[in-house]
Amino acid sequence: MNRGGYYLGIDVGSVSTNIVLVSQDGGIEKKAYLRTSGKPIDVLTQGLVDFSKDVDDDEILGVGTTGSGRQLASVIVGADIVKNEITAHAIASQRVVPDVATILEIGGQDSKIIFLKNGVVNDFAMNTVCAAGTGSFLDRQAERLGIPIEKFGSLALKAKAPTRIAGRCAVFAESDMIHKQQMGHRTEDIVAGLCTALVRNYLSNLARGREIKGPVMFQGGVAANAGIVAAFEEALSQKIIIPQYYDVMGAWGAALIAQKAIEGSALATRRNEAGSAFRGFKNACARYETHSRECGGCSNNCEVIEISTDDIVVARWGDKCGKWSNVHVSA
């Protein structure tokens, strides 16, 4: 591993927690794709322990966090930049293909599509409601069919006559699959039909008739599924780009955004010599607990999230007015 300083990128999602170590030239030196398993704090700290074996505190020049758990991760590690997934994915994608025009992303619990014009995000859509368009749905169906998810895509490519599966709803899709099995359809045809149904669902819900221009990049854990890739290419009539680090693009983007901020001296007066707010691996791996409570200060009744260590509250968020989150509570 090259020495000289690195940027840490963290993407905490509902299904996976991803961590990357990025060198000063923007390349990924080390990555980790970890199952969140409903324990984001434990998984994140376990990942950081592993990274601490390869890099010292003073070599971390900056930290960026993203994902649904980005605020939580920011408090734990001491992040310099906290960004939404749309921005993070766009930045990482442009690192790979500077003129990328459309980004398809399917994660475990949600999916998104990002449109770029002249290097700037000009539109996007997210789906966090329909399970039929997510990786977790594929996982469940693979388990039900007794097929390892790693072989799901390759099996779909063997289909001779893909079966039409109703893919607008996870419940209907599963019942339709069972019906097709009972009718005697071949497993590979059913699997291929499911891949096509997921892509059809994704495009109808997220693209909504908008033109999908190339270059098109596909990322997220589902990008490893060859059956889904083939279904997208057939539906869009164009080649889909799968980046090398398709599974950790959000974390990579967060690290690159932190790098730009640090090198731009926007945060040069922060805590350590590197100009970063990074708390150090030892502090980041302390024991943390989260609590929630409802604020009755107004009719919003906001759910305020608190994170504490050693019974000391170090951060709060979730309120709309800033009554709690704007109060300095760091230990």
C-alpha atoms as a PDB file:
ATOM      1  CA  MET A   1       0.000   0.000   0.000  1.00  0.00           C
ATOM      2  CA  ASN A   2       1.336   3.416  -0.984  1.00  0.00           C
ATOM      3  CA  ARG A   3       2.036   5.815   1.870  1.00  0.00           C
ATOM      4  CA  GLY A   4       1.448   9.532   1.938  1.00  0.00           C
ATOM      5  CA  GLY A   5      -2.103  10.072   3.106  1.00  0.00           C
ATOM      6  CA  TYR A   6      -5.580   8.788   2.293  1.00  0.00           C
ATOM      7  CA  TYR A   7      -9.223   9.768   2.253  1.00  0.00           C
ATOM      8  CA  LEU A   8     -11.857   7.612   3.908  1.00  0.00           C
ATOM      9  CA  GLY A   9     -15.266   7.166   2.321  1.00  0.00           C
ATOM     10  CA  ILE A  10     -18.185   5.533   4.154  1.00  0.00           C
ATOM     11  CA  ASP A  11     -21.622   4.603   2.807  1.00  0.00           C
ATOM     12  CA  VAL A  12     -24.010   3.220   5.428  1.00  0.00           C
ATOM     13  CA  GLY A  13     -27.175   1.748   3.955  1.00  0.00           C
ATOM     14  CA  SER A  14     -29.951  -0.502   5.169  1.00  0.00           C
ATOM     15  CA  VAL A  15     -28.417  -3.617   3.589  1.00  0.00           C
ATOM     16  CA  SER A  16     -24.702  -2.877   3.253  1.00  0.00           C
ATOM     17  CA  THR A  17     -22.071  -0.714   4.895  1.00  0.00           C
ATOM     18  CA  ASN A  18     -19.265   0.151   2.514  1.00  0.00           C
ATOM     19  CA  ILE A  19     -15.878   1.626   3.373  1.00  0.00           C
ATOM     20  CA  VAL A  20     -13.122   2.681   0.983  1.00  0.00           C
ATOM     21  CA  LEU A  21      -9.616   4.018   1.437  1.00  0.00           C
ATOM     22  CA  VAL A  22      -8.733   6.382  -1.402  1.00  0.00           C
ATOM     23  CA  SER A  23      -5.229   7.549  -2.281  1.00  0.00           C
ATOM     24  CA  GLN A  24      -4.398  11.133  -3.158  1.00  0.00           C
ATOM     25  CA  ASP A  25      -4.632  10.315  -6.862  1.00  0.00           C
ATOM     26  CA  GLY A  26      -8.274   9.300  -6.333  1.00  0.00           C
ATOM     27  CA  GLY A  27      -7.801   5.556  -6.705  1.00  0.00           C
ATOM     28  CA  ILE A  28      -9.195   2.987  -4.285  1.00  0.00           C
ATOM     29  CA  GLU A  29      -6.485   1.325  -2.192  1.00  0.00           C
ATOM     30  CA  LYS A  30      -8.786  -0.829  -0.065  1.00  0.00           C
ATOM     31  CA  LYS A  31     -12.513  -1.484   0.082  1.00  0.00           C
ATOM     32  CA  ALA A  32     -14.980  -3.334   2.257  1.00  0.00           C
ATOM     33  CA  TYR A  33     -18.541  -4.346   1.425  1.00  0.00           C
ATOM     34  CA  LEU A  34     -20.204  -5.441   4.667  1.00  0.00           C
ATOM     35  CA  ARG A  35     -23.726  -6.596   5.451  1.00  0.00           C
ATOM     36  CA  THR A  36     -25.341  -4.050   7.774  1.00  0.00           C
ATOM     37  CA  SER A  37     -27.610  -6.756   9.269  1.00  0.00           C
ATOM     38  CA  GLY A  38     -29.596  -4.180  11.231  1.00  0.00           C
ATOM     39  CA  LYS A  39     -26.507  -3.234  13.266  1.00  0.00           C
ATOM     40  CA  PRO A  40     -24.926  -0.261  11.477  1.00  0.00           C
ATOM     41  CA  ILE A  41     -22.795   0.873  14.417  1.00  0.00           C
ATOM     42  CA  ASP A  42     -21.331  -2.564  15.123  1.00  0.00           C
ATOM     43  CA  VAL A  43     -20.661  -3.286  11.450  1.00  0.00           C
ATOM     44  CA  LEU A  44     -19.101   0.125  10.835  1.00  0.00           C
ATOM     45  CA  THR A  45     -16.791  -0.120  13.832  1.00  0.00           C
ATOM     46  CA  GLN A  46     -15.783  -3.670  12.881  1.00  0.00           C
ATOM     47  CA  GLY A  47     -14.900  -2.422   9.414  1.00  0.00           C
ATOM     48  CA  LEU A  48     -12.877   0.457  10.829  1.00  0.00           C
ATOM     49  CA  VAL A  49     -10.941  -1.935  13.079  1.00  0.00           C
ATOM     50  CA  ASP A  50      -9.898  -3.854   9.973  1.00  0.00           C
ATOM     51  CA  PHE A  51      -8.855  -0.672   8.165  1.00  0.00           C
ATOM     52  CA  SER A  52      -6.832   0.488  11.172  1.00  0.00           C
ATOM     53  CA  LYS A  53      -4.508  -2.463  10.584  1.00  0.00           C
ATOM     54  CA  ASP A  54      -3.343  -0.921   7.317  1.00  0.00           C
ATOM     55  CA  VAL A  55      -3.362   2.817   7.972  1.00  0.00           C
ATOM     56  CA  ASP A  56      -2.607   5.116  10.919  1.00  0.00           C
ATOM     57  CA  ASP A  57      -4.737   7.974  12.212  1.00  0.00           C
ATOM     58  CA  ASP A  58      -2.364  10.669  10.958  1.00  0.00           C
ATOM     59  CA  GLU A  59      -2.509   9.247   7.438  1.00  0.00           C
ATOM     60  CA  ILE A  60      -6.233  10.008   7.124  1.00  0.00           C
ATOM     61  CA  LEU A  61      -6.472  13.386   5.390  1.00  0.00           C
ATOM     62  CA  GLY A  62     -10.250  13.577   5.203  1.00  0.00           C
ATOM     63  CA  VAL A  63     -13.485  11.621   5.674  1.00  0.00           C
ATOM     64  CA  GLY A  64     -16.774  11.688   3.783  1.00  0.00           C
ATOM     65  CA  THR A  65     -20.004   9.853   4.636  1.00  0.00           C
ATOM     66  CA  THR A  66     -23.134   9.119   2.619  1.00  0.00           C
ATOM     67  CA  GLY A  67     -26.098   6.739   2.589  1.00  0.00           C
ATOM     68  CA  SER A  68     -29.195   6.575   4.753  1.00  0.00           C
ATOM     69  CA  GLY A  69     -26.957   6.281   7.837  1.00  0.00           C
ATOM     70  CA  ARG A  70     -24.608   9.107   6.864  1.00  0.00           C
ATOM     71  CA  GLN A  71     -25.403  11.250   9.923  1.00  0.00           C
ATOM     72  CA  LEU A  72     -24.760   8.335  12.236  1.00  0.00           C
ATOM     73  CA  ALA A  73     -21.485   7.499  10.494  1.00  0.00           C
ATOM     74  CA  SER A  74     -20.450  11.146  10.555  1.00  0.00           C
ATOM     75  CA  VAL A  75     -20.751  11.327  14.334  1.00  0.00           C
ATOM     76  CA  ILE A  76     -18.857   8.075  14.868  1.00  0.00           C
ATOM     77  CA  VAL A  77     -15.859   8.799  12.640  1.00  0.00           C
ATOM     78  CA  GLY A  78     -15.776  12.581  12.643  1.00  0.00           C
ATOM     79  CA  ALA A  79     -16.604  13.322   9.014  1.00  0.00           C
ATOM     80  CA  ASP A  80     -15.557  16.435   7.121  1.00  0.00           C
ATOM     81  CA  ILE A  81     -18.290  16.051   4.516  1.00  0.00           C
ATOM     82  CA  VAL A  82     -21.787  14.518   4.752  1.00  0.00           C
ATOM     83  CA  LYS A  83     -23.433  14.122   1.345  1.00  0.00           C
ATOM     84  CA  ASN A  84     -26.537  12.490  -0.086  1.00  0.00           C
ATOM     85  CA  GLU A  85     -26.260   9.354  -2.209  1.00  0.00           C
ATOM     86  CA  ILE A  86     -27.197  11.108  -5.453  1.00  0.00           C
ATOM     87  CA  THR A  87     -24.192  13.434  -5.327  1.00  0.00           C
ATOM     88  CA  ALA A  88     -21.814  10.722  -4.130  1.00  0.00           C
ATOM     89  CA  HIS A  89     -22.786   8.252  -6.859  1.00  0.00           C
ATOM     90  CA  ALA A  90     -22.562  10.939  -9.533  1.00  0.00           C
ATOM     91  CA  ILE A  91     -19.062  12.039  -8.503  1.00  0.00           C
ATOM     92  CA  ALA A  92     -17.721   8.471  -8.439  1.00  0.00           C
ATOM     93  CA  SER A  93     -19.328   7.647 -11.778  1.00  0.00           C
ATOM     94  CA  GLN A  94     -17.728  10.663 -13.425  1.00  0.00           C
ATOM     95  CA  ARG A  95     -14.394   9.499 -12.089  1.00  0.00           C
ATOM     96  CA  VAL A  96     -14.822   6.346 -14.199  1.00  0.00           C
ATOM     97  CA  VAL A  97     -16.676   7.792 -17.214  1.00  0.00           C
ATOM     98  CA  PRO A  98     -16.419  11.615 -17.295  1.00  0.00           C
ATOM     99  CA  ASP A  99     -19.275  12.002 -19.781  1.00  0.00           C
ATOM    100  CA  VAL A 100     -21.674   9.539 -18.134  1.00  0.00           C
ATOM    101  CA  ALA A 101     -25.253  10.643 -18.864  1.00  0.00           C
ATOM    102  CA  THR A 102     -27.389   8.143 -16.920  1.00  0.00           C
ATOM    103  CA  ILE A 103     -26.699   6.204 -13.734  1.00  0.00           C
ATOM    104  CA  LEU A 104     -28.803   3.177 -12.826  1.00  0.00           C
ATOM    105  CA  GLU A 105     -28.436   2.080  -9.211  1.00  0.00           C
ATOM    106  CA  ILE A 106     -30.186  -0.799  -7.479  1.00  0.00           C
ATOM    107  CA  GLY A 107     -29.425  -1.491  -3.850  1.00  0.00           C
ATOM    108  CA  GLY A 108     -30.786  -3.896  -1.318  1.00  0.00           C
ATOM    109  CA  GLN A 109     -33.796  -1.837  -0.192  1.00  0.00           C
ATOM    110  CA  ASP A 110     -34.118   0.965  -2.739  1.00  0.00           C
ATOM    111  CA  SER A 111     -33.246   1.980  -6.252  1.00  0.00           C
ATOM    112  CA  LYS A 112     -32.471   5.236  -7.996  1.00  0.00           C
ATOM    113  CA  ILE A 113     -31.810   6.726 -11.414  1.00  0.00           C
ATOM    114  CA  ILE A 114     -29.639   9.800 -11.959  1.00  0.00           C
ATOM    115  CA  PHE A 115     -29.544  11.958 -15.088  1.00  0.00           C
ATOM    116  CA  LEU A 116     -26.548  14.174 -15.807  1.00  0.00           C
ATOM    117  CA  LYS A 117     -26.155  16.946 -18.350  1.00  0.00           C
ATOM    118  CA  ASN A 118     -22.848  18.665 -19.058  1.00  0.00           C
ATOM    119  CA  GLY A 119     -21.339  16.970 -16.012  1.00  0.00           C
ATOM    120  CA  VAL A 120     -24.044  18.151 -13.610  1.00  0.00           C
ATOM    121  CA  VAL A 121     -26.935  16.228 -12.055  1.00  0.00           C
ATOM    122  CA  ASN A 122     -30.076  17.734 -13.560  1.00  0.00           C
ATOM    123  CA  ASP A 123     -32.664  15.143 -12.535  1.00  0.00           C
ATOM    124  CA  PHE A 124     -33.075  12.014 -10.445  1.00  0.00           C
ATOM    125  CA  ALA A 125     -35.706   9.701  -9.028  1.00  0.00           C
ATOM    126  CA  MET A 126     -35.708   7.275  -6.129  1.00  0.00           C
ATOM    127  CA  ASN A 127     -37.910   4.332  -5.228  1.00  0.00           C
ATOM    128  CA  THR A 128     -37.953   3.354  -1.565  1.00  0.00           C
ATOM    129  CA  VAL A 129     -41.446   1.833  -1.543  1.00  0.00           C
ATOM    130  CA  CYS A 130     -41.724  -1.045  -4.028  1.00  0.00           C
ATOM    131  CA  ALA A 131     -39.716  -4.095  -2.948  1.00  0.00           C
ATOM    132  CA  ALA A 132     -40.044  -5.683  -6.401  1.00  0.00           C
ATOM    133  CA  GLY A 133     -37.358  -3.344  -7.721  1.00  0.00           C
ATOM    134  CA  THR A 134     -34.650  -4.109  -5.156  1.00  0.00           C
ATOM    135  CA  GLY A 135     -31.852  -6.556  -4.473  1.00  0.00           C
ATOM    136  CA  SER A 136     -33.485  -7.945  -1.359  1.00  0.00           C
ATOM    137  CA  PHE A 137     -36.407  -9.149  -3.473  1.00  0.00           C
ATOM    138  CA  LEU A 138     -33.995 -11.045  -5.717  1.00  0.00           C
ATOM    139  CA  ASP A 139     -32.316 -12.513  -2.637  1.00  0.00           C
ATOM    140  CA  ARG A 140     -35.637 -13.795  -1.319  1.00  0.00           C
ATOM    141  CA  GLN A 141     -36.640 -15.355  -4.615  1.00  0.00           C
ATOM    142  CA  ALA A 142     -33.240 -16.975  -5.083  1.00  0.00           C
ATOM    143  CA  GLU A 143     -33.537 -18.508  -1.614  1.00  0.00           C
ATOM    144  CA  ARG A 144     -37.075 -19.697  -2.307  1.00  0.00           C
ATOM    145  CA  LEU A 145     -35.948 -21.331  -5.551  1.00  0.00           C
ATOM    146  CA  GLY A 146     -32.929 -22.889  -3.839  1.00  0.00           C
ATOM    147  CA  ILE A 147     -30.469 -21.034  -6.075  1.00  0.00           C
ATOM    148  CA  PRO A 148     -27.360 -19.262  -4.703  1.00  0.00           C
ATOM    149  CA  ILE A 149     -27.778 -15.574  -5.512  1.00  0.00           C
ATOM    150  CA  GLU A 150     -24.293 -15.614  -7.061  1.00  0.00           C
ATOM    151  CA  LYS A 151     -25.586 -18.015  -9.741  1.00  0.00           C
ATOM    152  CA  PHE A 152     -28.939 -16.303 -10.264  1.00  0.00           C
ATOM    153  CA  GLY A 153     -27.791 -14.118 -13.150  1.00  0.00           C
ATOM    154  CA  SER A 154     -25.861 -16.773 -15.037  1.00  0.00           C
ATOM    155  CA  LEU A 155     -28.860 -19.107 -14.800  1.00  0.00           C
ATOM    156  CA  ALA A 156     -31.077 -16.419 -16.338  1.00  0.00           C
ATOM    157  CA  LEU A 157     -28.759 -16.251 -19.364  1.00  0.00           C
ATOM    158  CA  LYS A 158     -29.479 -19.936 -20.072  1.00  0.00           C
ATOM    159  CA  ALA A 159     -33.195 -19.301 -20.613  1.00  0.00           C
ATOM    160  CA  LYS A 160     -34.661 -20.427 -23.928  1.00  0.00           C
ATOM    161  CA  ALA A 161     -38.115 -18.893 -23.476  1.00  0.00           C
ATOM    162  CA  PRO A 162     -38.237 -16.363 -20.609  1.00  0.00           C
ATOM    163  CA  THR A 163     -41.535 -16.481 -18.749  1.00  0.00           C
ATOM    164  CA  ARG A 164     -43.619 -13.344 -18.392  1.00  0.00           C
ATOM    165  CA  ILE A 165     -43.724 -12.433 -14.697  1.00  0.00           C
ATOM    166  CA  ALA A 166     -45.994  -9.744 -13.230  1.00  0.00           C
ATOM    167  CA  GLY A 167     -43.396  -7.420 -11.747  1.00  0.00           C
ATOM    168  CA  ARG A 168     -45.330  -4.332 -10.645  1.00  0.00           C
ATOM    169  CA  CYS A 169     -45.626  -5.632  -7.072  1.00  0.00           C
ATOM    170  CA  ALA A 170     -43.443  -7.958  -4.995  1.00  0.00           C
ATOM    171  CA  VAL A 171     -46.460  -9.906  -3.743  1.00  0.00           C
ATOM    172  CA  PHE A 172     -47.917 -10.397  -7.224  1.00  0.00           C
ATOM    173  CA  ALA A 173     -44.499 -11.247  -8.670  1.00  0.00           C
ATOM    174  CA  GLU A 174     -43.899 -13.973  -6.118  1.00  0.00           C
ATOM    175  CA  SER A 175     -47.360 -15.481  -6.520  1.00  0.00           C
ATOM    176  CA  ASP A 176     -46.963 -15.368 -10.302  1.00  0.00           C
ATOM    177  CA  MET A 177     -43.609 -17.158 -10.043  1.00  0.00           C
ATOM    178  CA  ILE A 178     -45.164 -19.893  -7.913  1.00  0.00           C
ATOM    179  CA  HIS A 179     -47.983 -20.245 -10.441  1.00  0.00           C
ATOM    180  CA  LYS A 180     -45.501 -20.547 -13.312  1.00  0.00           C
ATOM    181  CA  GLN A 181     -43.555 -23.202 -11.392  1.00  0.00           C
ATOM    182  CA  GLN A 182     -46.746 -25.166 -10.851  1.00  0.00           C
ATOM    183  CA  MET A 183     -47.442 -24.957 -14.583  1.00  0.00           C
ATOM    184  CA  GLY A 184     -44.098 -26.611 -15.268  1.00  0.00           C
ATOM    185  CA  HIS A 185     -42.024 -23.734 -16.623  1.00  0.00           C
ATOM    186  CA  ARG A 186     -38.257 -24.272 -16.514  1.00  0.00           C
ATOM    187  CA  THR A 187     -36.449 -22.634 -13.615  1.00  0.00           C
ATOM    188  CA  GLU A 188     -34.068 -20.694 -15.862  1.00  0.00           C
ATOM    189  CA  ASP A 189     -37.025 -19.308 -17.850  1.00  0.00           C
ATOM    190  CA  ILE A 190     -38.697 -18.168 -14.636  1.00  0.00           C
ATOM    191  CA  VAL A 191     -35.478 -16.567 -13.382  1.00  0.00           C
ATOM    192  CA  ALA A 192     -34.983 -14.748 -16.698  1.00  0.00           C
ATOM    193  CA  GLY A 193     -38.598 -13.598 -16.570  1.00  0.00           C
ATOM    194  CA  LEU A 194     -38.076 -12.253 -13.076  1.00  0.00           C
ATOM    195  CA  CYS A 195     -34.995 -10.282 -14.183  1.00  0.00           C
ATOM    196  CA  THR A 196     -36.968  -8.784 -17.063  1.00  0.00           C
ATOM    197  CA  ALA A 197     -39.865  -7.956 -14.718  1.00  0.00           C
ATOM    198  CA  LEU A 198     -37.561  -6.171 -12.269  1.00  0.00           C
ATOM    199  CA  VAL A 199     -36.050  -4.086 -15.070  1.00  0.00           C
ATOM    200  CA  ARG A 200     -39.506  -3.325 -16.470  1.00  0.00           C
ATOM    201  CA  ASN A 201     -40.645  -2.231 -13.002  1.00  0.00           C
ATOM    202  CA  TYR A 202     -37.526  -0.085 -12.508  1.00  0.00           C
ATOM    203  CA  LEU A 203     -37.887   1.735 -15.822  1.00  0.00           C
ATOM    204  CA  SER A 204     -41.633   2.330 -15.514  1.00  0.00           C
ATOM    205  CA  ASN A 205     -41.363   3.617 -11.932  1.00  0.00           C
ATOM    206  CA  LEU A 206     -38.176   5.671 -12.162  1.00  0.00           C
ATOM    207  CA  ALA A 207     -37.587   6.644 -15.786  1.00  0.00           C
ATOM    208  CA  ARG A 208     -41.289   7.437 -16.340  1.00  0.00           C
ATOM    209  CA  GLY A 209     -40.907   7.816 -20.074  1.00  0.00           C
ATOM    210  CA  ARG A 210     -37.799  10.019 -19.907  1.00  0.00           C
ATOM    211  CA  GLU A 211     -35.117   9.359 -22.477  1.00  0.00           C
ATOM    212  CA  ILE A 212     -32.193   7.357 -21.136  1.00  0.00           C
ATOM    213  CA  LYS A 213     -29.124   8.618 -22.936  1.00  0.00           C
ATOM    214  CA  GLY A 214     -25.721   6.971 -22.990  1.00  0.00           C
ATOM    215  CA  PRO A 215     -23.200   6.403 -21.677  1.00  0.00           C
ATOM    216  CA  VAL A 216     -25.246   4.465 -19.133  1.00  0.00           C
ATOM    217  CA  MET A 217     -23.627   3.116 -15.969  1.00  0.00           C
ATOM    218  CA  PHE A 218     -25.141   0.457 -13.713  1.00  0.00           C
ATOM    219  CA  GLN A 219     -24.001   0.209 -10.092  1.00  0.00           C
ATOM    220  CA  GLY A 220     -25.047  -1.175  -6.730  1.00  0.00           C
ATOM    221  CA  GLY A 221     -24.891  -4.781  -5.571  1.00  0.00           C
ATOM    222  CA  VAL A 222     -27.397  -5.938  -8.208  1.00  0.00           C
ATOM    223  CA  ALA A 223     -24.975  -4.869 -10.973  1.00  0.00           C
ATOM    224  CA  ALA A 224     -23.199  -8.193 -10.364  1.00  0.00           C
ATOM    225  CA  ASN A 225     -26.297 -10.013 -11.642  1.00  0.00           C
ATOM    226  CA  ALA A 226     -25.647 -10.836 -15.311  1.00  0.00           C
ATOM    227  CA  GLY A 227     -29.360 -11.529 -15.890  1.00  0.00           C
ATOM    228  CA  ILE A 228     -30.358  -8.027 -14.781  1.00  0.00           C
ATOM    229  CA  VAL A 229     -27.594  -6.472 -16.891  1.00  0.00           C
ATOM    230  CA  ALA A 230     -28.761  -8.400 -19.957  1.00  0.00           C
ATOM    231  CA  ALA A 231     -32.365  -7.341 -19.310  1.00  0.00           C
ATOM    232  CA  PHE A 232     -31.348  -3.672 -19.082  1.00  0.00           C
ATOM    233  CA  GLU A 233     -29.323  -3.875 -22.282  1.00  0.00           C
ATOM    234  CA  GLU A 234     -32.241  -5.448 -24.123  1.00  0.00           C
ATOM    235  CA  ALA A 235     -34.747  -2.923 -22.774  1.00  0.00           C
ATOM    236  CA  LEU A 236     -32.536   0.090 -23.527  1.00  0.00           C
ATOM    237  CA  SER A 237     -30.987  -1.262 -26.745  1.00  0.00           C
ATOM    238  CA  GLN A 238     -27.530  -0.146 -25.671  1.00  0.00           C
ATOM    239  CA  LYS A 239     -24.461  -1.352 -23.833  1.00  0.00           C
ATOM    240  CA  ILE A 240     -24.402  -0.877 -20.073  1.00  0.00           C
ATOM    241  CA  ILE A 241     -21.154   0.026 -18.298  1.00  0.00           C
ATOM    242  CA  ILE A 242     -20.411  -1.864 -15.073  1.00  0.00           C
ATOM    243  CA  PRO A 243     -17.610  -0.091 -13.170  1.00  0.00           C
ATOM    244  CA  GLN A 244     -14.937  -2.108 -11.383  1.00  0.00           C
ATOM    245  CA  TYR A 245     -16.091  -0.853  -7.995  1.00  0.00           C
ATOM    246  CA  TYR A 246     -19.820  -1.080  -8.732  1.00  0.00           C
ATOM    247  CA  ASP A 247     -20.582  -2.163  -5.164  1.00  0.00           C
ATOM    248  CA  VAL A 248     -18.904   0.742  -3.318  1.00  0.00           C
ATOM    249  CA  MET A 249     -19.481   3.703  -5.646  1.00  0.00           C
ATOM    250  CA  GLY A 250     -21.288   5.735  -2.991  1.00  0.00           C
ATOM    251  CA  ALA A 251     -18.425   5.400  -0.516  1.00  0.00           C
ATOM    252  CA  TRP A 252     -15.900   6.229  -3.242  1.00  0.00           C
ATOM    253  CA  GLY A 253     -17.830   9.349  -4.178  1.00  0.00           C
ATOM    254  CA  ALA A 254     -17.980  10.441  -0.530  1.00  0.00           C
ATOM    255  CA  ALA A 255     -14.198  10.105  -0.243  1.00  0.00           C
ATOM    256  CA  LEU A 256     -13.630  12.084  -3.459  1.00  0.00           C
ATOM    257  CA  ILE A 257     -15.927  14.873  -2.248  1.00  0.00           C
ATOM    258  CA  ALA A 258     -14.031  15.018   1.067  1.00  0.00           C
ATOM    259  CA  GLN A 259     -10.759  15.167  -0.842  1.00  0.00           C
ATOM    260  CA  LYS A 260     -11.927  18.109  -2.927  1.00  0.00           C
ATOM    261  CA  ALA A 261     -13.070  19.973   0.184  1.00  0.00           C
ATOM    262  CA  ILE A 262      -9.854  19.364   2.099  1.00  0.00           C
ATOM    263  CA  GLU A 263      -7.570  20.188  -0.800  1.00  0.00           C
ATOM    264  CA  GLY A 264      -9.604  23.308  -1.460  1.00  0.00           C
ATOM    265  CA  SER A 265      -8.677  24.452   2.065  1.00  0.00           C
ATOM    266  CA  ALA A 266     -12.357  24.821   2.962  1.00  0.00           C
ATOM    267  CA  LEU A 267     -11.696  22.856   6.141  1.00  0.00           C
ATOM    268  CA  ALA A 268      -8.009  23.607   6.644  1.00  0.00           C
ATOM    269  CA  THR A 269      -8.440  24.888  10.176  1.00  0.00           C
ATOM    270  CA  ARG A 270     -10.123  21.768  11.558  1.00  0.00           C
ATOM    271  CA  ARG A 271      -8.805  19.525  14.303  1.00  0.00           C
ATOM    272  CA  ASN A 272      -5.696  17.633  13.239  1.00  0.00           C
ATOM    273  CA  GLU A 273      -2.643  18.434  11.182  1.00  0.00           C
ATOM    274  CA  ALA A 274      -4.217  17.010   8.060  1.00  0.00           C
ATOM    275  CA  GLY A 275      -7.063  19.493   8.423  1.00  0.00           C
ATOM    276  CA  SER A 276      -9.614  16.737   9.011  1.00  0.00           C
ATOM    277  CA  ALA A 277     -12.241  16.289  11.709  1.00  0.00           C
ATOM    278  CA  PHE A 278     -11.430  12.549  11.799  1.00  0.00           C
ATOM    279  CA  ARG A 279     -11.632  11.354  15.401  1.00  0.00           C
ATOM    280  CA  GLY A 280      -9.125   8.540  15.010  1.00  0.00           C
ATOM    281  CA  PHE A 281      -9.749   4.815  14.673  1.00  0.00           C
ATOM    282  CA  LYS A 282      -9.659   4.181  18.428  1.00  0.00           C
ATOM    283  CA  ASN A 283     -12.290   6.831  19.194  1.00  0.00           C
ATOM    284  CA  ALA A 284     -14.389   5.793  16.197  1.00  0.00           C
ATOM    285  CA  CYS A 285     -14.443   2.224  17.498  1.00  0.00           C
ATOM    286  CA  ALA A 286     -15.732   3.194  20.953  1.00  0.00           C
ATOM    287  CA  ARG A 287     -19.061   1.835  22.163  1.00  0.00           C
ATOM    288  CA  TYR A 288     -21.998   3.870  20.906  1.00  0.00           C
ATOM    289  CA  GLU A 289     -25.712   3.651  21.579  1.00  0.00           C
ATOM    290  CA  THR A 290     -28.637   5.266  19.798  1.00  0.00           C
ATOM    291  CA  HIS A 291     -31.961   6.356  21.248  1.00  0.00           C
ATOM    292  CA  SER A 292     -34.998   8.078  19.808  1.00  0.00           C
ATOM    293  CA  ARG A 293     -37.637  10.244  21.406  1.00  0.00           C
ATOM    294  CA  GLU A 294     -40.491  12.393  20.192  1.00  0.00           C
ATOM    295  CA  CYS A 295     -40.212  16.137  20.586  1.00  0.00           C
ATOM    296  CA  GLY A 296     -43.547  17.639  21.582  1.00  0.00           C
ATOM    297  CA  GLY A 297     -42.431  21.210  21.114  1.00  0.00           C
ATOM    298  CA  CYS A 298     -44.794  21.751  18.194  1.00  0.00           C
ATOM    299  CA  SER A 299     -47.290  19.941  15.993  1.00  0.00           C
ATOM    300  CA  ASN A 300     -44.526  18.328  13.918  1.00  0.00           C
ATOM    301  CA  ASN A 301     -43.792  15.879  16.754  1.00  0.00           C
ATOM    302  CA  CYS A 302     -40.351  15.182  15.253  1.00  0.00           C
ATOM    303  CA  GLU A 303     -38.568  11.947  16.115  1.00  0.00           C
ATOM    304  CA  VAL A 304     -35.210  13.056  17.486  1.00  0.00           C
ATOM    305  CA  ILE A 305     -32.343  10.575  17.250  1.00  0.00           C
ATOM    306  CA  GLU A 306     -29.608  10.715  19.883  1.00  0.00           C
ATOM    307  CA  ILE A 307     -26.252   8.963  19.814  1.00  0.00           C
ATOM    308  CA  SER A 308     -24.241   8.618  22.993  1.00  0.00           C
ATOM    309  CA  THR A 309     -21.066   7.063  24.330  1.00  0.00           C
ATOM    310  CA  ASP A 310     -20.342   6.488  28.017  1.00  0.00           C
ATOM    311  CA  ASP A 311     -23.794   7.927  28.768  1.00  0.00           C
ATOM    312  CA  ILE A 312     -22.801  11.236  27.177  1.00  0.00           C
ATOM    313  CA  VAL A 313     -24.904  12.449  24.230  1.00  0.00           C
ATOM    314  CA  VAL A 314     -22.562  13.398  21.384  1.00  0.00           C
ATOM    315  CA  ALA A 315     -25.087  14.238  18.666  1.00  0.00           C
ATOM    316  CA  ARG A 316     -28.767  14.661  17.868  1.00  0.00           C
ATOM    317  CA  TRP A 317     -30.646  14.927  14.582  1.00  0.00           C
ATOM    318  CA  GLY A 318     -34.086  14.435  13.094  1.00  0.00           C
ATOM    319  CA  ASP A 319     -35.756  17.690  14.169  1.00  0.00           C
ATOM    320  CA  LYS A 320     -37.007  20.094  11.492  1.00  0.00           C
ATOM    321  CA  CYS A 321     -36.388  23.313  13.396  1.00  0.00           C
ATOM    322  CA  GLY A 322     -32.904  22.658  14.771  1.00  0.00           C
ATOM    323  CA  LYS A 323     -33.983  22.929  18.390  1.00  0.00           C
ATOM    324  CA  TRP A 324     -31.991  19.811  19.271  1.00  0.00           C
ATOM    325  CA  SER A 325     -29.586  19.231  16.400  1.00  0.00           C
ATOM    326  CA  ASN A 326     -28.137  22.754  16.572  1.00  0.00           C
ATOM    327  CA  VAL A 327     -27.204  22.384  20.233  1.00  0.00           C
ATOM    328  CA  HIS A 328     -23.515  21.582  20.771  1.00  0.00           C
ATOM    329  CA  VAL A 329     -23.462  18.265  22.587  1.00  0.00           C
ATOM    330  CA  SER A 330     -20.100  16.751  21.701  1.00  0.00           C
ATOM    331  CA  ALA A 331     -18.151  15.127  24.494  1.00  0.00           C
END
